[in-house]
Each structure stands twice: as C-alpha cells, then as structure tokens.
N, C-alpha and C. Protein backbone atom coordinates (compact mmCIF):
# COMPACT_ATOMS: atom_id res chain seq x y z
N MET A 1 58.05 44.00 185.90
CA MET A 1 57.75 42.38 185.90
C MET A 1 58.76 42.07 185.01
N LEU A 2 58.77 43.03 183.81
CA LEU A 2 60.02 42.83 182.47
C LEU A 2 61.50 42.60 182.98
N ASP A 3 61.76 43.67 183.67
CA ASP A 3 62.89 43.40 184.56
C ASP A 3 63.32 42.45 185.03
N LEU A 4 62.00 41.75 185.90
CA LEU A 4 62.72 40.65 186.28
C LEU A 4 62.62 39.30 185.36
N VAL A 5 62.10 39.24 184.08
CA VAL A 5 62.02 38.26 183.33
C VAL A 5 63.47 38.53 182.62
N LEU A 6 63.69 39.65 181.91
CA LEU A 6 65.19 39.82 181.60
C LEU A 6 66.27 39.44 182.41
N ALA A 7 66.00 39.80 183.96
CA ALA A 7 67.02 39.61 184.58
C ALA A 7 67.52 37.99 184.80
N GLY A 8 66.22 36.98 183.78
CA GLY A 8 66.06 35.84 184.72
C GLY A 8 66.74 34.91 183.91
N GLY A 9 67.47 35.82 182.56
CA GLY A 9 68.03 35.00 180.80
C GLY A 9 66.91 34.44 180.55
N GLY A 10 67.59 33.27 179.64
CA GLY A 10 67.02 32.52 178.95
C GLY A 10 66.03 31.83 179.21
N MET A 11 66.65 31.28 180.14
CA MET A 11 65.58 30.02 180.79
C MET A 11 64.29 30.61 181.39
N MET A 12 63.91 31.85 181.03
CA MET A 12 62.64 32.02 181.40
C MET A 12 62.08 31.82 180.29
N LEU A 13 62.46 31.78 178.85
CA LEU A 13 61.64 31.63 178.00
C LEU A 13 60.64 30.12 177.74
N PRO A 14 61.35 29.53 178.41
CA PRO A 14 60.59 28.21 178.14
C PRO A 14 59.48 27.86 179.70
N ILE A 15 60.20 28.68 180.58
CA ILE A 15 59.09 28.73 181.76
C ILE A 15 57.88 29.49 181.61
N ILE A 16 58.33 30.60 180.57
CA ILE A 16 57.11 31.73 180.47
C ILE A 16 55.78 30.56 179.43
N ILE A 17 56.68 29.90 178.38
CA ILE A 17 56.27 29.41 177.79
C ILE A 17 55.28 28.02 178.45
N ALA A 18 55.84 27.28 179.06
CA ALA A 18 54.99 26.51 180.31
C ALA A 18 54.16 26.75 180.61
N SER A 19 54.61 28.37 181.14
CA SER A 19 53.02 28.68 182.50
C SER A 19 51.46 28.88 181.13
N VAL A 20 51.88 29.58 180.10
CA VAL A 20 50.98 29.93 179.17
C VAL A 20 49.96 28.76 178.72
N ILE A 21 50.90 27.30 178.44
CA ILE A 21 50.26 25.95 178.08
C ILE A 21 49.84 25.76 179.01
N ALA A 22 50.01 25.60 180.31
CA ALA A 22 49.35 25.35 181.56
C ALA A 22 48.03 26.05 181.89
N MET A 23 48.20 27.68 181.97
CA MET A 23 46.81 28.11 181.89
C MET A 23 45.98 27.71 180.84
N ALA A 24 46.53 27.63 179.70
CA ALA A 24 45.25 27.18 178.88
C ALA A 24 44.26 25.86 178.80
N ILE A 25 45.42 25.11 179.22
CA ILE A 25 45.13 23.77 179.60
C ILE A 25 43.90 23.87 180.96
N ILE A 26 44.21 24.62 182.10
CA ILE A 26 43.45 24.66 182.96
C ILE A 26 42.47 25.62 182.97
N PHE A 27 42.08 26.31 182.20
CA PHE A 27 40.87 26.84 181.59
C PHE A 27 39.98 26.10 180.84
N GLU A 28 40.50 25.64 179.94
CA GLU A 28 39.94 24.31 178.72
C GLU A 28 39.32 23.26 179.89
N ARG A 29 40.12 22.80 180.83
CA ARG A 29 39.59 21.59 181.35
C ARG A 29 38.51 22.16 182.51
N LEU A 30 38.67 23.30 182.65
CA LEU A 30 37.34 24.03 183.89
C LEU A 30 35.78 24.08 182.93
N TYR A 31 36.35 24.43 181.88
CA TYR A 31 34.95 24.56 181.17
C TYR A 31 34.53 23.18 180.47
N THR A 32 35.20 22.55 179.86
CA THR A 32 34.57 21.12 179.36
C THR A 32 34.11 20.06 180.65
N LEU A 33 35.23 20.41 181.98
CA LEU A 33 34.40 19.32 182.90
C LEU A 33 33.51 19.39 183.84
N ARG A 34 32.49 20.37 183.40
CA ARG A 34 32.12 21.00 184.29
C ARG A 34 30.69 20.02 184.25
N ARG A 35 30.43 19.61 185.20
CA ARG A 35 29.21 18.64 185.86
C ARG A 35 27.95 18.44 184.73
N ARG A 36 27.84 19.41 184.30
CA ARG A 36 26.12 20.06 183.95
C ARG A 36 26.31 19.54 182.12
N ARG A 37 27.82 19.96 181.90
CA ARG A 37 28.00 19.33 180.78
C ARG A 37 28.28 17.72 180.68
N ILE A 38 29.03 17.31 181.53
CA ILE A 38 29.28 15.86 181.31
C ILE A 38 28.10 15.13 181.53
N MET A 39 27.53 15.10 182.40
CA MET A 39 26.07 14.25 182.74
C MET A 39 24.77 14.86 182.00
N GLY A 40 24.56 15.94 182.03
CA GLY A 40 23.77 16.29 180.68
C GLY A 40 22.24 16.40 181.78
N GLY A 41 22.05 17.06 182.92
CA GLY A 41 20.53 16.42 183.58
C GLY A 41 20.23 15.29 184.17
N ASP A 42 19.20 14.72 183.28
CA ASP A 42 19.10 13.29 183.75
C ASP A 42 18.77 12.59 182.52
N PRO A 43 20.00 12.30 181.82
CA PRO A 43 19.75 11.18 180.60
C PRO A 43 18.59 10.16 180.42
N VAL A 44 18.64 9.42 181.62
CA VAL A 44 18.18 8.32 182.04
C VAL A 44 16.74 8.49 182.30
N GLY A 45 16.27 9.57 183.28
CA GLY A 45 14.72 9.72 183.34
C GLY A 45 14.43 10.03 181.85
N MET A 46 15.27 10.86 181.59
CA MET A 46 14.37 11.44 180.15
C MET A 46 13.61 9.92 178.71
N VAL A 47 15.27 8.69 178.99
CA VAL A 47 14.90 7.66 178.08
C VAL A 47 13.58 7.09 178.95
N GLU A 48 13.50 7.25 179.90
CA GLU A 48 12.23 6.40 181.12
C GLU A 48 10.83 7.12 180.46
N SER A 49 11.42 8.38 180.18
CA SER A 49 9.87 9.04 179.98
C SER A 49 9.43 8.86 178.45
N TRP A 50 10.53 8.43 177.45
CA TRP A 50 10.36 8.24 176.18
C TRP A 50 9.59 7.04 175.80
N GLN A 51 9.76 5.93 177.31
CA GLN A 51 9.19 4.63 176.87
C GLN A 51 7.61 4.49 177.13
N GLY A 52 7.02 5.98 177.40
CA GLY A 52 5.89 5.89 177.90
C GLY A 52 4.79 6.97 176.57
N GLN A 53 6.02 7.25 175.79
CA GLN A 53 5.54 8.68 174.78
C GLN A 53 6.09 7.73 173.33
N GLY A 54 5.93 6.17 173.10
CA GLY A 54 6.22 6.03 171.46
C GLY A 54 7.60 5.45 171.58
N GLY A 55 8.27 5.07 172.27
CA GLY A 55 9.30 4.69 172.74
C GLY A 55 10.73 5.10 172.25
N ILE A 56 11.76 4.27 171.78
CA ILE A 56 13.09 4.99 171.98
C ILE A 56 13.17 4.87 170.31
N THR A 57 13.13 5.81 169.41
CA THR A 57 13.34 6.11 167.79
C THR A 57 14.99 6.37 167.69
N PRO A 58 15.33 6.23 166.67
CA PRO A 58 16.72 6.51 166.01
C PRO A 58 17.05 7.73 166.07
N GLY A 59 15.84 8.78 166.15
CA GLY A 59 15.97 10.38 165.88
C GLY A 59 16.16 10.82 167.58
N ARG A 60 15.55 9.94 168.43
CA ARG A 60 15.69 10.49 169.79
C ARG A 60 16.96 9.88 170.28
N LEU A 61 17.63 8.84 169.81
CA LEU A 61 18.95 8.12 170.13
C LEU A 61 20.14 9.37 169.87
N ASP A 62 19.83 9.77 168.57
CA ASP A 62 20.65 10.81 168.11
C ASP A 62 20.34 12.07 169.16
N GLU A 63 19.22 12.58 169.34
CA GLU A 63 19.04 13.99 170.36
C GLU A 63 19.89 13.41 171.70
N LEU A 64 19.35 12.24 172.14
CA LEU A 64 20.40 12.07 173.49
C LEU A 64 21.81 12.00 173.25
N SER A 65 21.96 11.35 172.33
CA SER A 65 23.72 11.50 172.02
C SER A 65 24.73 12.46 171.96
N ARG A 66 23.56 13.82 171.71
CA ARG A 66 24.16 14.84 171.60
C ARG A 66 23.66 15.73 172.24
N THR A 67 23.15 15.19 173.51
CA THR A 67 23.36 15.94 174.84
C THR A 67 24.40 16.11 175.70
N SER A 68 25.22 15.30 176.04
CA SER A 68 26.41 15.09 176.89
C SER A 68 27.06 13.58 176.03
N PRO A 69 28.44 13.87 176.92
CA PRO A 69 29.09 12.58 177.04
C PRO A 69 28.51 11.52 177.20
N LEU A 70 27.90 11.82 179.16
CA LEU A 70 26.94 10.52 179.31
C LEU A 70 25.54 10.13 178.24
N GLY A 71 25.09 10.84 177.94
CA GLY A 71 24.13 10.78 176.63
C GLY A 71 24.56 9.60 175.65
N ARG A 72 25.99 10.52 175.29
CA ARG A 72 26.75 9.51 173.79
C ARG A 72 27.13 8.16 174.34
N ILE A 73 26.97 7.73 175.70
CA ILE A 73 27.37 6.42 176.28
C ILE A 73 25.83 5.45 176.31
N LEU A 74 24.86 6.51 177.04
CA LEU A 74 23.92 5.46 177.12
C LEU A 74 23.16 5.48 175.47
N ALA A 75 23.40 6.20 174.58
CA ALA A 75 22.80 6.38 173.60
C ALA A 75 23.31 4.89 172.83
N ALA A 76 24.73 5.02 172.95
CA ALA A 76 25.47 3.78 172.57
C ALA A 76 24.76 2.04 173.04
N GLY A 77 24.54 2.37 174.36
CA GLY A 77 24.18 1.09 174.53
C GLY A 77 22.57 0.72 174.48
N LEU A 78 21.85 1.83 173.97
CA LEU A 78 20.62 1.69 173.78
C LEU A 78 20.23 1.34 172.34
N GLU A 79 21.55 1.23 171.60
CA GLU A 79 21.69 0.88 170.05
C GLU A 79 21.83 -0.26 170.12
N GLY A 80 22.40 -1.36 171.59
CA GLY A 80 22.59 -2.64 170.84
C GLY A 80 21.47 -3.05 172.59
N SER A 81 20.84 -2.61 172.31
CA SER A 81 19.48 -3.01 173.94
C SER A 81 18.88 -4.54 173.93
N HIS A 82 19.38 -5.11 173.02
CA HIS A 82 18.28 -6.72 172.36
C HIS A 82 19.12 -6.75 173.56
N SER A 83 19.92 -7.46 173.95
CA SER A 83 20.33 -8.12 175.33
C SER A 83 20.81 -7.26 176.66
N ALA A 84 21.19 -8.01 177.82
CA ALA A 84 21.18 -6.67 178.81
C ALA A 84 23.40 -6.72 178.85
N GLU A 85 23.92 -7.78 178.58
CA GLU A 85 25.03 -8.15 177.53
C GLU A 85 25.47 -7.04 176.67
N SER A 86 24.79 -7.37 175.76
CA SER A 86 25.17 -6.59 174.49
C SER A 86 25.53 -5.30 174.97
N MET A 87 24.33 -4.24 175.66
CA MET A 87 23.96 -2.95 176.33
C MET A 87 25.71 -2.72 176.92
N ARG A 88 26.34 -3.31 177.93
CA ARG A 88 27.13 -3.17 178.62
C ARG A 88 28.50 -2.95 177.95
N VAL A 89 28.45 -4.15 177.15
CA VAL A 89 29.65 -3.99 176.21
C VAL A 89 29.69 -2.83 175.12
N ARG A 90 28.56 -2.45 174.86
CA ARG A 90 28.77 -1.31 173.76
C ARG A 90 28.74 -0.05 175.13
N ILE A 91 28.35 -0.09 176.00
CA ILE A 91 28.42 1.02 176.90
C ILE A 91 30.17 1.20 177.75
N GLU A 92 30.26 -0.26 178.18
CA GLU A 92 32.04 -0.24 178.53
C GLU A 92 32.85 0.35 177.02
N ASP A 93 32.59 -0.07 175.95
CA ASP A 93 33.55 0.72 174.63
C ASP A 93 33.29 2.09 174.48
N THR A 94 32.18 2.24 174.28
CA THR A 94 32.26 3.82 174.44
C THR A 94 32.62 5.29 175.39
N GLY A 95 31.96 4.07 177.14
CA GLY A 95 32.90 4.90 178.29
C GLY A 95 34.19 4.93 178.00
N ARG A 96 35.21 4.40 177.59
CA ARG A 96 36.48 4.14 177.40
C ARG A 96 36.71 5.15 176.23
N HIS A 97 36.26 5.31 175.27
CA HIS A 97 36.52 6.90 174.70
C HIS A 97 35.96 7.95 175.54
N VAL A 98 35.27 7.75 175.99
CA VAL A 98 34.87 9.05 176.83
C VAL A 98 35.43 9.87 177.57
N ALA A 99 36.17 8.89 178.40
CA ALA A 99 37.00 8.66 179.53
C ALA A 99 38.16 9.48 178.99
N HIS A 100 38.49 8.76 177.99
CA HIS A 100 39.96 9.18 177.05
C HIS A 100 39.44 10.37 177.07
N GLU A 101 38.93 11.02 176.58
CA GLU A 101 38.60 12.70 176.08
C GLU A 101 38.76 13.63 177.16
N MET A 102 38.01 12.71 177.99
CA MET A 102 37.96 13.69 179.62
C MET A 102 39.26 13.92 180.34
N GLU A 103 40.05 13.14 179.89
CA GLU A 103 41.62 12.93 180.41
C GLU A 103 42.62 13.81 179.54
N ARG A 104 41.96 14.40 178.33
CA ARG A 104 43.04 15.30 177.65
C ARG A 104 43.76 16.29 178.03
N TYR A 105 44.60 16.35 177.65
CA TYR A 105 45.61 17.05 178.09
C TYR A 105 46.41 17.64 179.79
N LEU A 106 45.60 16.20 180.11
CA LEU A 106 45.83 16.16 181.81
C LEU A 106 47.64 15.72 181.70
N ASN A 107 47.86 14.69 180.92
CA ASN A 107 49.43 14.45 180.95
C ASN A 107 50.53 15.44 180.59
N THR A 108 50.03 16.32 179.85
CA THR A 108 50.93 17.40 179.18
C THR A 108 50.54 18.33 180.51
N LEU A 109 49.44 18.75 181.36
CA LEU A 109 49.66 19.63 182.68
C LEU A 109 50.47 19.21 183.34
N GLY A 110 50.74 17.39 183.53
CA GLY A 110 51.04 16.83 184.91
C GLY A 110 53.03 17.00 184.21
N THR A 111 53.00 16.74 183.06
CA THR A 111 54.75 17.12 182.49
C THR A 111 54.88 18.35 182.86
N ILE A 112 54.23 19.56 182.57
CA ILE A 112 54.90 21.24 182.97
C ILE A 112 55.14 21.01 184.30
N ALA A 113 54.02 20.59 185.64
CA ALA A 113 54.36 20.71 186.97
C ALA A 113 55.50 20.22 187.25
N LEU A 114 55.93 18.64 186.61
CA LEU A 114 57.40 17.85 187.10
C LEU A 114 58.37 18.87 186.20
N ILE A 115 58.16 19.47 184.74
CA ILE A 115 59.61 19.80 184.36
C ILE A 115 60.26 21.24 184.66
N SER A 116 58.39 21.98 185.33
CA SER A 116 59.13 23.35 185.29
C SER A 116 60.27 24.08 186.91
N PRO A 117 59.76 22.89 187.58
CA PRO A 117 60.92 23.40 188.58
C PRO A 117 62.38 22.98 187.95
N LEU A 118 62.32 21.94 187.12
CA LEU A 118 63.65 21.68 186.53
C LEU A 118 64.31 22.55 185.75
N LEU A 119 63.42 23.15 184.63
CA LEU A 119 63.97 24.41 184.13
C LEU A 119 64.41 25.45 184.94
N GLY A 120 63.83 25.38 186.31
CA GLY A 120 64.25 26.86 186.96
C GLY A 120 65.62 26.23 187.52
N LEU A 121 65.53 25.20 187.52
CA LEU A 121 67.04 24.46 188.35
C LEU A 121 68.35 24.50 187.17
N LEU A 122 67.99 24.56 186.42
CA LEU A 122 68.89 24.70 185.16
C LEU A 122 68.70 26.04 185.45
N GLY A 123 68.04 26.85 185.35
CA GLY A 123 68.53 28.10 185.28
C GLY A 123 69.40 28.76 186.28
N THR A 124 69.09 28.24 187.62
CA THR A 124 69.82 28.09 188.88
C THR A 124 71.47 27.73 188.68
N VAL A 125 71.60 26.48 188.06
CA VAL A 125 72.90 26.22 187.77
C VAL A 125 73.60 27.04 186.35
N ILE A 126 72.87 27.72 185.62
CA ILE A 126 73.55 28.76 184.68
C ILE A 126 74.08 30.07 185.41
N GLY A 127 73.03 30.26 186.05
CA GLY A 127 73.36 31.42 187.10
C GLY A 127 74.54 31.63 187.98
N ILE A 128 74.78 30.48 188.74
CA ILE A 128 75.98 30.11 189.43
C ILE A 128 77.36 30.11 188.54
N ILE A 129 76.98 29.51 187.36
CA ILE A 129 78.39 29.51 186.24
C ILE A 129 78.72 30.50 185.88
N ASP A 130 77.81 31.64 185.83
CA ASP A 130 78.00 32.95 185.32
C ASP A 130 78.88 33.62 187.01
N VAL A 131 78.33 33.50 187.98
CA VAL A 131 79.28 34.09 188.92
C VAL A 131 80.40 33.55 188.83
N PHE A 132 80.72 32.41 188.87
CA PHE A 132 82.01 31.33 189.04
C PHE A 132 82.75 32.19 187.78
N GLN A 133 82.33 31.88 186.75
CA GLN A 133 83.07 32.74 185.80
C GLN A 133 83.75 34.39 185.89
N ALA A 134 82.86 34.88 186.18
CA ALA A 134 82.70 36.38 186.68
C ALA A 134 84.04 36.68 187.63
N ILE A 135 83.85 35.44 188.79
CA ILE A 135 84.99 35.21 189.90
C ILE A 135 86.38 35.19 189.16
N THR A 136 86.28 33.89 188.39
CA THR A 136 87.43 33.20 187.48
C THR A 136 88.35 34.44 186.92
N SER A 137 87.49 35.35 185.92
CA SER A 137 87.89 36.32 185.13
C SER A 137 88.55 37.33 185.82
N TYR A 138 88.54 37.89 186.89
CA TYR A 138 89.10 38.74 188.06
C TYR A 138 89.88 38.08 188.79
N SER A 139 90.25 37.24 188.85
CA SER A 139 91.13 36.04 189.34
C SER A 139 92.66 36.91 189.68
N GLY A 140 93.26 37.44 190.85
CA GLY A 140 94.59 38.31 191.04
C GLY A 140 94.41 39.50 190.70
N ALA A 141 93.33 39.92 190.19
CA ALA A 141 93.04 41.39 189.93
C ALA A 141 91.96 42.27 190.88
N GLY A 142 92.33 41.57 192.00
CA GLY A 142 91.39 42.36 193.09
C GLY A 142 90.14 41.65 193.43
N ALA A 143 89.23 42.94 194.46
CA ALA A 143 87.63 42.11 194.26
C ALA A 143 87.10 42.48 192.96
N VAL A 144 86.25 41.53 193.20
CA VAL A 144 84.89 41.71 192.18
C VAL A 144 84.10 42.59 192.26
N ALA A 145 83.79 42.92 191.57
CA ALA A 145 83.20 44.54 191.29
C ALA A 145 81.35 43.39 191.36
N PRO A 146 80.76 44.01 192.56
CA PRO A 146 79.41 43.45 192.71
C PRO A 146 78.16 43.29 191.85
N GLU A 147 78.43 44.39 190.68
CA GLU A 147 77.45 44.42 189.85
C GLU A 147 77.29 43.05 189.09
N LEU A 148 78.93 42.68 188.78
CA LEU A 148 79.40 41.63 187.97
C LEU A 148 78.68 40.03 188.46
N LEU A 149 78.55 40.09 189.82
CA LEU A 149 78.19 39.29 190.61
C LEU A 149 76.71 39.04 190.71
N ALA A 150 75.89 39.84 190.41
CA ALA A 150 74.64 40.62 190.78
C ALA A 150 73.59 39.57 189.45
N GLY A 151 74.32 39.91 188.73
CA GLY A 151 73.42 39.18 187.47
C GLY A 151 73.03 37.73 187.36
N GLY A 152 74.20 36.75 187.66
CA GLY A 152 74.29 35.48 187.74
C GLY A 152 73.49 35.33 188.97
N ILE A 153 73.59 35.97 190.07
CA ILE A 153 72.81 35.68 191.46
C ILE A 153 71.75 36.03 191.09
N ALA A 154 70.99 36.89 190.40
CA ALA A 154 69.25 36.98 190.14
C ALA A 154 68.80 36.15 189.15
N LYS A 155 70.08 35.80 188.22
CA LYS A 155 69.56 34.74 187.27
C LYS A 155 69.45 33.25 188.08
N ALA A 156 69.99 33.24 188.84
CA ALA A 156 69.82 31.88 189.78
C ALA A 156 68.63 32.13 190.58
N LEU A 157 68.39 32.97 191.28
CA LEU A 157 67.40 33.25 192.15
C LEU A 157 65.98 33.20 191.23
N ILE A 158 65.74 33.69 190.26
CA ILE A 158 64.71 34.55 189.43
C ILE A 158 63.96 32.97 188.79
N THR A 159 64.95 32.34 188.09
CA THR A 159 64.28 31.07 187.71
C THR A 159 63.43 29.71 188.27
N THR A 160 64.40 29.90 189.83
CA THR A 160 64.37 29.02 190.29
C THR A 160 62.90 29.29 191.14
N ALA A 161 62.61 30.54 191.31
CA ALA A 161 61.03 31.01 191.98
C ALA A 161 59.98 30.93 190.66
N ALA A 162 60.67 31.20 189.45
CA ALA A 162 59.46 31.21 188.36
C ALA A 162 59.10 29.98 187.84
N GLY A 163 59.75 28.96 188.03
CA GLY A 163 59.85 27.52 187.64
C GLY A 163 59.08 26.97 189.03
N ILE A 164 59.10 27.02 190.34
CA ILE A 164 57.94 26.80 191.33
C ILE A 164 57.18 27.47 191.33
N MET A 165 56.47 28.75 190.80
CA MET A 165 55.13 29.70 190.73
C MET A 165 54.31 28.84 189.64
N VAL A 166 55.39 28.56 188.42
CA VAL A 166 54.36 27.51 187.31
C VAL A 166 53.93 25.77 187.74
N ALA A 167 55.04 25.39 188.72
CA ALA A 167 54.65 24.08 188.94
C ALA A 167 53.56 23.78 189.65
N VAL A 168 53.99 24.58 190.72
CA VAL A 168 52.36 24.50 192.01
C VAL A 168 51.01 24.49 191.43
N PRO A 169 50.86 25.94 191.16
CA PRO A 169 49.29 25.52 190.58
C PRO A 169 49.11 24.57 189.59
N ALA A 170 49.92 23.70 188.63
CA ALA A 170 50.02 23.05 187.59
C ALA A 170 49.47 21.65 187.96
N PHE A 171 50.56 21.51 189.02
CA PHE A 171 49.93 20.28 189.74
C PHE A 171 49.26 20.13 190.91
N ILE A 172 48.49 21.45 191.53
CA ILE A 172 47.59 21.20 192.04
C ILE A 172 46.10 21.16 191.29
N PHE A 173 45.83 21.71 190.18
CA PHE A 173 45.19 21.37 188.94
C PHE A 173 45.12 20.25 188.19
N HIS A 174 46.26 19.47 188.45
CA HIS A 174 46.66 17.77 187.39
C HIS A 174 46.01 17.34 188.54
N ARG A 175 45.93 17.25 189.88
CA ARG A 175 45.44 16.49 191.04
C ARG A 175 44.15 16.76 190.98
N TYR A 176 43.56 17.95 190.60
CA TYR A 176 42.31 17.90 190.57
C TYR A 176 41.42 17.33 189.82
N PHE A 177 41.71 17.50 188.57
CA PHE A 177 41.41 17.52 187.48
C PHE A 177 41.15 15.75 187.46
N ARG A 178 42.00 15.20 188.06
CA ARG A 178 42.39 13.78 188.14
C ARG A 178 41.34 13.16 188.95
N GLY A 179 41.13 13.96 190.03
CA GLY A 179 40.15 13.44 190.84
C GLY A 179 38.47 13.42 190.24
N LEU A 180 38.68 14.97 189.77
CA LEU A 180 37.24 15.28 189.14
C LEU A 180 36.96 14.28 188.06
N VAL A 181 37.65 14.05 187.55
CA VAL A 181 37.25 12.53 186.22
C VAL A 181 36.69 11.43 187.00
N ASP A 182 37.74 10.80 187.81
CA ASP A 182 37.58 9.55 188.35
C ASP A 182 36.07 9.72 189.16
N GLU A 183 35.56 10.92 189.91
CA GLU A 183 34.49 11.32 190.36
C GLU A 183 33.15 11.05 189.50
N LEU A 184 33.65 11.92 188.34
CA LEU A 184 32.59 11.48 186.66
C LEU A 184 32.51 10.13 186.43
N VAL A 185 33.55 9.80 186.05
CA VAL A 185 33.61 8.53 185.85
C VAL A 185 32.45 7.92 186.77
N ILE A 186 32.72 7.30 188.00
CA ILE A 186 31.42 6.52 188.58
C ILE A 186 30.16 7.10 188.70
N ASP A 187 29.95 8.51 188.68
CA ASP A 187 28.29 8.90 188.60
C ASP A 187 28.33 7.95 187.21
N MET A 188 28.87 8.57 186.16
CA MET A 188 28.39 8.09 184.95
C MET A 188 28.09 6.46 184.58
N GLU A 189 28.97 5.89 185.40
CA GLU A 189 28.97 4.53 185.40
C GLU A 189 27.34 3.89 186.20
N ALA A 190 27.53 4.41 187.58
CA ALA A 190 25.84 4.58 188.06
C ALA A 190 24.76 4.72 187.27
N ASP A 191 25.13 5.92 186.04
CA ASP A 191 23.64 5.83 185.45
C ASP A 191 23.50 4.93 184.23
N ALA A 192 24.59 4.30 184.04
CA ALA A 192 24.65 3.50 183.02
C ALA A 192 24.26 2.16 183.42
N ILE A 193 24.87 1.56 184.81
CA ILE A 193 24.06 0.77 185.53
C ILE A 193 21.98 0.90 185.54
N ARG A 194 22.13 2.17 185.98
CA ARG A 194 20.79 2.29 185.94
C ARG A 194 19.87 2.37 184.74
N LEU A 195 20.38 3.18 183.84
CA LEU A 195 20.00 2.20 182.36
C LEU A 195 19.61 0.89 181.93
N VAL A 196 20.56 0.29 182.38
CA VAL A 196 20.74 -1.44 182.06
C VAL A 196 19.53 -1.67 182.42
N ASP A 197 19.54 -1.54 184.13
CA ASP A 197 18.19 -2.27 184.91
C ASP A 197 16.88 -1.61 184.62
N MET A 198 16.98 -0.72 183.74
CA MET A 198 15.15 0.19 183.73
C MET A 198 15.29 -0.98 182.10
N ILE A 199 16.10 -1.04 181.13
CA ILE A 199 16.04 -1.72 180.18
C ILE A 199 15.64 -3.22 180.58
N HIS A 200 16.23 -3.55 181.13
CA HIS A 200 16.07 -5.40 181.32
C HIS A 200 16.13 -5.64 183.18
N PRO A 201 14.89 -5.48 183.23
CA PRO A 201 14.89 -5.59 184.71
C PRO A 201 14.70 -7.22 185.21
N ALA A 202 15.03 -7.98 184.14
CA ALA A 202 14.96 -9.32 184.50
C ALA A 202 16.67 -9.98 185.01
N GLY A 203 17.17 -9.01 184.20
CA GLY A 203 18.73 -9.05 184.08
C GLY A 203 19.29 -8.37 185.67
N ALA A 204 18.60 -7.56 185.96
CA ALA A 204 19.11 -7.09 187.63
C ALA A 204 18.66 -7.62 188.43
N GLY A 205 17.40 -8.64 188.09
CA GLY A 205 17.31 -9.92 189.27
C GLY A 205 17.75 -10.92 189.37
N ARG A 206 18.27 -10.88 188.33
CA ARG A 206 19.30 -12.29 188.40
C ARG A 206 20.68 -11.69 189.32
N ARG A 207 21.31 -10.02 188.90
CA ARG A 207 22.19 -10.16 189.69
C ARG A 207 22.41 -9.94 191.16
N ARG A 208 20.79 -9.22 191.11
CA ARG A 208 20.82 -8.98 193.03
C ARG A 208 20.42 -10.54 193.03
N ALA A 209 20.37 -11.26 193.23
CA ALA A 209 20.27 -12.40 193.31
C ALA A 209 21.42 -13.33 193.68
N ALA A 210 22.12 -13.27 192.89
CA ALA A 210 23.64 -13.79 192.65
C ALA A 210 24.21 -13.03 193.97
C-alpha cells in the first residue's frame, strides 16, 4: 500500500487528507444523527404526563431541553406558550438553529466528493506530463526505457483510482445524510405540531375547520 501511495506522487497527499476528513465526518454524523439522540424518545408524551403532575415548571423545561434537539425545540415553544402563534414562532426559530446543527459538516463532505476526482485528474495530468517529458528527453536517442515511462503511467492511474475511491463513499454518505436530516426534520415538525395542538386545542380546532 505504501508503495502505491509513493508511486502516486505528490497529489496523493491531498487525496489522503481528503479521505481522512471524509471518514471523520461520516463517523461523527453517524453518531450524531442517530434517531434516538435527535428525537429523544417521546418528549411530547413527557410534557403530557407533566400536565397531570403539577404542570410545566422551569426545572422541567430545562430537563426537556437537555433530553434531545427535539426537546430543545419543544422547550423553546413552551416558554412562549401563552398563545399558539407565539409557540409556533419560537418553535420555528429554534428549529432552524437545530436543523443547521444537524447539517453541520455536510457541505464539507459534499465538497470532498466533488473535488476528489478532480485531484485524481490533476494527478493523471501530471503523470502524463512526466511520460511526455521522458519521451522528449530521449528524442533521437533510441527507444525510451520502459521503467522511465512506468512511473508517469503509474502516477496517472493511481491518482485517478484514489480520487474516485474517496469520492464515491463521500458522495453516497452525503446524499444519505441529507435525506436523513430531511426525514428527521419532518418528524420533528410533526411532534411540534402535536405539542401545539395539545397545549392550545382551540387553535387546532380552528385549523381543522379552515
């Protein structure tokens, strides 16, 4: 493996760095975007049980906020629960911040998926240039020694393969995480609506009538 990396030339270094960053992002997002961690079980059911056990206190709101990102959104809504509209505004505002946090590093992962093949292509071009330089230096001096051409050809092939090997999983996981975030956001919106309807049932009735 080390021989392949060395044969790929200088362009292997940025490709390797990109692969390390991509792997770190993938493992970090797989851990961070677990459904159980994001949704936190059933926080709406927790709030419903509190209504029959002394109501919603500041301490309970703090506990809810610490359970999960969804709990943080719901707690923000409950802090402005004097009206349904106020709850929705606070939920939407906090939800945007939470969604942004869920998308953290995904742009970097997408950039790696985009530039890795280009880095491989650049290595290919450099390898082909080396081949032509070898041919030019032996112009008129007989046949070019195969070993002089082999280095440039190897550099061209290895960097291309390495760039693609980094780009493919990076692209797959980028698309997967985008879809997962969208799915989680939809589920969080459903729970937020459920909470608003539970706290302000009259407002829910007006929406259904409309």
